[in-house]
Amino acid sequence: MKPSPVDTLSQTIHFGKETFHVTISFENRRKLKIIVHPDLRIEAKAPLGKDIGDVVSKIKHRSRWIIKQHDYFRQFVPRLPERRYVSGETFYYLGRQYRLKIKKVSNSSVKLKGKFLWAYTPDCNDVEKIKQQVIRWYKDHAKGYFEKRLYVCYERARIHRITLPHIKLRDMKKRWGSCTNNGSIILNIELIKAPVHCIDYVIIHELCHLRFPKHNDSFYRLLSLLVPDWEARKECLEKVLI
């Protein structure tokens, strides 16, 4: 069966005693790409015109890897429920937990004091406004802190013919960081909630991509040279509840 460009199919794959479900889409690409998402969704992107039987056969051939990735992410589920921005909720900053405290005052602001993240607001019932205050506080702190860590990390990487990049912040659902063709690094704002050594790992990961864009052997050799324990840091990062 030759799928049309708009086809999206759901396929159940059996591998030994394991069963998993894959959403298969077809797009203008050369090779099959399989993605196991942290929320346990499994997605396959296949080249246009490929026979569905061939696609399923290739997915089955990757079953062992898919199950391994699926089991890895399963240990981190469930994650924290959606934020309600009420007093008593747990928030993270640089890997540490803080309790949100909301206090009624005339002017709006957010401050970190002791074990609490204080949100000062004229209306304690205006949840949306409190949410925007907290988000703005994270963004303001992330920009300066990431730039500070970039200079620290760059000192390790500069001898490997890597140019000091600019940092940009962005809300990203599936990635902690990425880099652009013009030599900039993009970091997920949520990364400010992770421990410092995890932030450094992501920055150095992207610095390595400025030297080696693909996840090839050269990339991993450089990453392992700069961050020998990168796998432990990556696992720690995946456990951060954001």
Protein backbone atom coordinates (compact mmCIF):
# COMPACT_ATOMS: atom_id res chain seq x y z
CA MET A 1 0.00 0.00 0.00
CA LYS A 2 1.41 3.38 -1.03
CA PRO A 3 0.30 6.07 1.47
CA SER A 4 -0.71 9.55 0.36
CA PRO A 5 1.21 12.62 1.66
CA VAL A 6 -1.47 13.31 4.30
CA ASP A 7 -1.64 9.78 5.71
CA THR A 8 -1.05 9.28 9.42
CA LEU A 9 -1.41 5.71 10.59
CA SER A 10 -1.48 4.02 13.97
CA GLN A 11 0.29 0.68 14.11
CA THR A 12 0.57 -1.93 16.87
CA ILE A 13 3.94 -3.68 16.95
CA HIS A 14 4.57 -7.00 18.70
CA PHE A 15 8.10 -7.93 19.78
CA GLY A 16 8.38 -11.05 21.93
CA LYS A 17 6.16 -10.44 24.95
CA GLU A 18 6.20 -6.67 24.39
CA THR A 19 3.56 -4.64 22.54
CA PHE A 20 3.80 -0.97 21.66
CA HIS A 21 1.86 1.49 19.50
CA VAL A 22 3.47 3.71 16.89
CA THR A 23 2.03 6.70 15.04
CA ILE A 24 3.42 6.66 11.50
CA SER A 25 3.40 9.75 9.30
CA PHE A 26 4.77 10.25 5.79
CA GLU A 27 6.69 13.34 4.75
CA ASN A 28 9.32 14.58 2.34
CA ARG A 29 12.40 12.95 3.82
CA ARG A 30 15.05 10.39 2.77
CA LYS A 31 15.14 8.03 5.73
CA LEU A 32 12.84 6.63 8.39
CA LYS A 33 13.07 8.46 11.72
CA ILE A 34 11.78 6.92 14.96
CA ILE A 35 11.19 9.10 18.03
CA VAL A 36 10.35 7.91 21.55
CA HIS A 37 9.02 10.92 23.44
CA PRO A 38 9.41 11.47 27.22
CA ASP A 39 5.61 11.25 27.55
CA LEU A 40 5.94 7.67 26.13
CA ARG A 41 4.49 8.44 22.68
CA ILE A 42 6.26 6.61 19.86
CA GLU A 43 6.38 8.35 16.50
CA ALA A 44 7.80 7.24 13.15
CA LYS A 45 8.37 9.60 10.21
CA ALA A 46 8.71 7.76 6.90
CA PRO A 47 9.64 8.95 3.39
CA LEU A 48 6.76 9.71 1.04
CA GLY A 49 5.82 6.81 -1.21
CA LYS A 50 7.27 4.11 1.03
CA ASP A 51 5.29 0.90 1.30
CA ILE A 52 3.69 0.61 4.74
CA GLY A 53 4.83 -3.00 4.99
CA ASP A 54 8.46 -1.96 4.52
CA VAL A 55 8.06 0.82 7.10
CA VAL A 56 6.58 -1.55 9.69
CA SER A 57 9.34 -4.08 8.99
CA LYS A 58 12.01 -1.43 9.69
CA ILE A 59 10.23 -0.33 12.87
CA LYS A 60 10.12 -3.94 14.07
CA HIS A 61 13.85 -4.20 13.36
CA ARG A 62 14.35 -1.32 15.85
CA SER A 63 12.02 -2.85 18.45
CA ARG A 64 14.74 -3.62 20.99
CA TRP A 65 15.95 0.00 20.92
CA ILE A 66 12.38 1.37 21.06
CA ILE A 67 11.51 -0.72 24.12
CA LYS A 68 14.75 0.30 25.84
CA GLN A 69 13.98 4.00 25.28
CA HIS A 70 10.35 3.53 26.31
CA ASP A 71 11.38 1.81 29.56
CA TYR A 72 13.93 4.56 30.25
CA PHE A 73 11.33 7.33 30.04
CA ARG A 74 8.70 5.31 31.91
CA GLN A 75 10.66 5.62 35.17
CA PHE A 76 10.09 9.38 35.13
CA VAL A 77 6.30 9.18 34.75
CA PRO A 78 4.10 10.54 36.18
CA ARG A 79 5.60 14.02 36.24
CA LEU A 80 4.23 16.89 38.25
CA PRO A 81 0.64 17.86 37.38
CA GLU A 82 -0.05 21.13 35.61
CA ARG A 83 0.75 24.15 37.77
CA ARG A 84 -2.11 25.89 39.58
CA TYR A 85 0.03 28.74 40.95
CA VAL A 86 -1.35 28.58 44.46
CA SER A 87 0.44 28.78 47.80
CA GLY A 88 2.17 25.56 48.78
CA GLU A 89 3.05 24.34 45.28
CA THR A 90 6.61 23.14 44.69
CA PHE A 91 8.81 25.01 42.23
CA TYR A 92 12.39 24.27 41.21
CA TYR A 93 15.29 26.68 40.76
CA LEU A 94 18.83 25.45 40.05
CA GLY A 95 17.85 21.96 41.19
CA ARG A 96 16.43 22.99 44.56
CA GLN A 97 12.81 22.89 45.68
CA TYR A 98 10.95 25.97 46.86
CA ARG A 99 7.40 26.43 48.05
CA LEU A 100 5.32 29.14 46.45
CA LYS A 101 3.97 31.75 48.85
CA ILE A 102 1.48 34.37 47.67
CA LYS A 103 1.13 37.62 49.56
CA LYS A 104 -1.18 40.55 48.92
CA VAL A 105 0.65 43.88 48.51
CA SER A 106 0.17 46.98 46.38
CA ASN A 107 2.93 46.21 43.83
CA SER A 108 3.63 42.99 41.93
CA SER A 109 7.00 41.21 42.24
CA VAL A 110 8.58 37.79 42.79
CA LYS A 111 11.45 37.08 45.16
CA LEU A 112 13.34 34.02 46.37
CA LYS A 113 13.70 34.05 50.17
CA GLY A 114 14.92 31.09 52.17
CA LYS A 115 12.93 28.02 51.18
CA PHE A 116 10.14 30.00 49.54
CA LEU A 117 9.38 31.63 46.21
CA TRP A 118 7.33 34.67 47.14
CA ALA A 119 4.81 36.14 44.69
CA TYR A 120 3.63 39.58 45.78
CA THR A 121 0.44 40.72 44.09
CA PRO A 122 -2.49 43.12 44.58
CA ASP A 123 -4.96 40.28 43.90
CA CYS A 124 -4.23 36.84 45.33
CA ASN A 125 -7.09 35.36 43.31
CA ASP A 126 -5.73 36.47 39.95
CA VAL A 127 -4.02 33.17 39.11
CA GLU A 128 -3.17 34.15 35.53
CA LYS A 129 -1.37 37.28 36.66
CA ILE A 130 0.56 35.35 39.32
CA LYS A 131 1.51 32.78 36.69
CA GLN A 132 2.86 35.47 34.38
CA GLN A 133 4.82 37.03 37.25
CA VAL A 134 6.51 33.72 38.07
CA ILE A 135 7.25 32.95 34.41
CA ARG A 136 8.76 36.41 33.95
CA TRP A 137 10.91 35.91 37.06
CA TYR A 138 12.27 32.64 35.65
CA LYS A 139 13.02 34.27 32.28
CA ASP A 140 14.80 37.22 33.87
CA HIS A 141 17.02 34.96 35.98
CA ALA A 142 17.66 32.43 33.21
CA LYS A 143 19.17 34.93 30.76
CA GLY A 144 21.87 36.22 33.11
CA TYR A 145 22.64 32.87 34.69
CA PHE A 146 22.98 31.02 31.37
CA GLU A 147 25.37 33.67 30.06
CA LYS A 148 27.46 33.34 33.22
CA ARG A 149 27.67 29.55 32.83
CA LEU A 150 28.43 29.88 29.12
CA TYR A 151 31.68 31.73 29.87
CA VAL A 152 32.65 29.06 32.42
CA CYS A 153 31.91 26.22 29.98
CA TYR A 154 33.53 27.98 27.05
CA GLU A 155 36.87 28.07 28.83
CA ARG A 156 36.92 24.27 28.54
CA ALA A 157 35.90 24.23 24.89
CA ARG A 158 37.75 27.14 23.32
CA ILE A 159 40.94 25.16 22.56
CA HIS A 160 38.90 22.91 20.27
CA ARG A 161 38.36 25.63 17.66
CA ILE A 162 34.90 26.59 18.92
CA THR A 163 33.79 30.21 18.63
CA LEU A 164 32.05 31.85 21.58
CA PRO A 165 28.33 31.85 20.64
CA HIS A 166 25.43 34.10 21.54
CA ILE A 167 22.70 32.66 23.78
CA LYS A 168 19.00 32.87 23.00
CA LEU A 169 16.14 31.74 25.24
CA ARG A 170 13.06 29.92 24.05
CA ASP A 171 10.15 27.89 25.37
CA MET A 172 10.69 24.38 24.01
CA LYS A 173 8.51 21.36 24.69
CA LYS A 174 10.87 18.55 23.68
CA ARG A 175 14.43 19.87 23.87
CA TRP A 176 16.71 21.40 26.46
CA GLY A 177 18.88 23.12 23.89
CA SER A 178 19.82 23.48 20.24
CA CYS A 179 22.15 25.50 18.07
CA THR A 180 21.67 27.50 14.88
CA ASN A 181 23.60 27.64 11.62
CA ASN A 182 24.85 31.14 12.44
CA GLY A 183 26.57 29.96 15.63
CA SER A 184 24.00 30.80 18.32
CA ILE A 185 22.92 28.50 21.13
CA ILE A 186 19.24 28.25 22.06
CA LEU A 187 18.42 27.14 25.59
CA ASN A 188 15.08 26.10 27.04
CA ILE A 189 14.00 28.56 29.72
CA GLU A 190 12.90 25.59 31.86
CA LEU A 191 16.56 24.57 32.13
CA ILE A 192 17.00 27.18 34.88
CA LYS A 193 15.11 24.77 37.14
CA ALA A 194 17.79 22.09 36.75
CA PRO A 195 20.99 21.67 38.84
CA VAL A 196 24.02 23.66 37.73
CA HIS A 197 25.98 20.62 36.52
CA CYS A 198 23.05 19.70 34.27
CA ILE A 199 22.90 23.23 32.85
CA ASP A 200 26.62 23.01 32.11
CA TYR A 201 26.10 19.67 30.37
CA VAL A 202 23.50 21.13 28.00
CA ILE A 203 25.66 24.18 27.23
CA ILE A 204 28.73 22.04 26.52
CA HIS A 205 26.60 19.64 24.47
CA GLU A 206 25.59 22.54 22.22
CA LEU A 207 29.15 23.93 22.13
CA CYS A 208 30.25 20.53 20.79
CA HIS A 209 27.58 20.79 18.10
CA LEU A 210 29.15 24.04 16.91
CA ARG A 211 32.22 21.94 16.11
CA PHE A 212 30.43 18.75 15.02
CA PRO A 213 26.77 19.36 14.00
CA LYS A 214 25.78 15.68 13.94
CA HIS A 215 25.70 13.10 16.74
CA ASN A 216 28.59 11.17 15.24
CA ASP A 217 31.69 9.58 16.79
CA SER A 218 33.66 12.84 16.60
CA PHE A 219 30.91 14.65 18.49
CA TYR A 220 30.76 12.08 21.29
CA ARG A 221 34.55 11.94 21.59
CA LEU A 222 34.66 15.69 22.15
CA LEU A 223 31.69 15.62 24.54
CA SER A 224 33.29 12.80 26.56
CA LEU A 225 36.56 14.71 26.67
CA LEU A 226 34.92 17.87 27.99
CA VAL A 227 32.31 16.17 30.22
CA PRO A 228 33.45 12.61 31.08
CA ASP A 229 30.31 12.01 33.18
CA TRP A 230 27.88 13.42 30.60
CA GLU A 231 25.68 10.32 30.65
CA ALA A 232 25.09 10.66 34.40
CA ARG A 233 24.31 14.36 33.96
CA LYS A 234 21.90 13.57 31.14
CA GLU A 235 20.09 11.02 33.29
CA CYS A 236 19.91 13.50 36.15
CA LEU A 237 18.44 16.07 33.82
CA GLU A 238 15.73 13.70 32.65
CA LYS A 239 14.67 13.23 36.28
CA VAL A 240 14.14 16.94 36.90
CA LEU A 241 10.45 17.56 37.48
CA ILE A 242 9.59 20.78 35.74
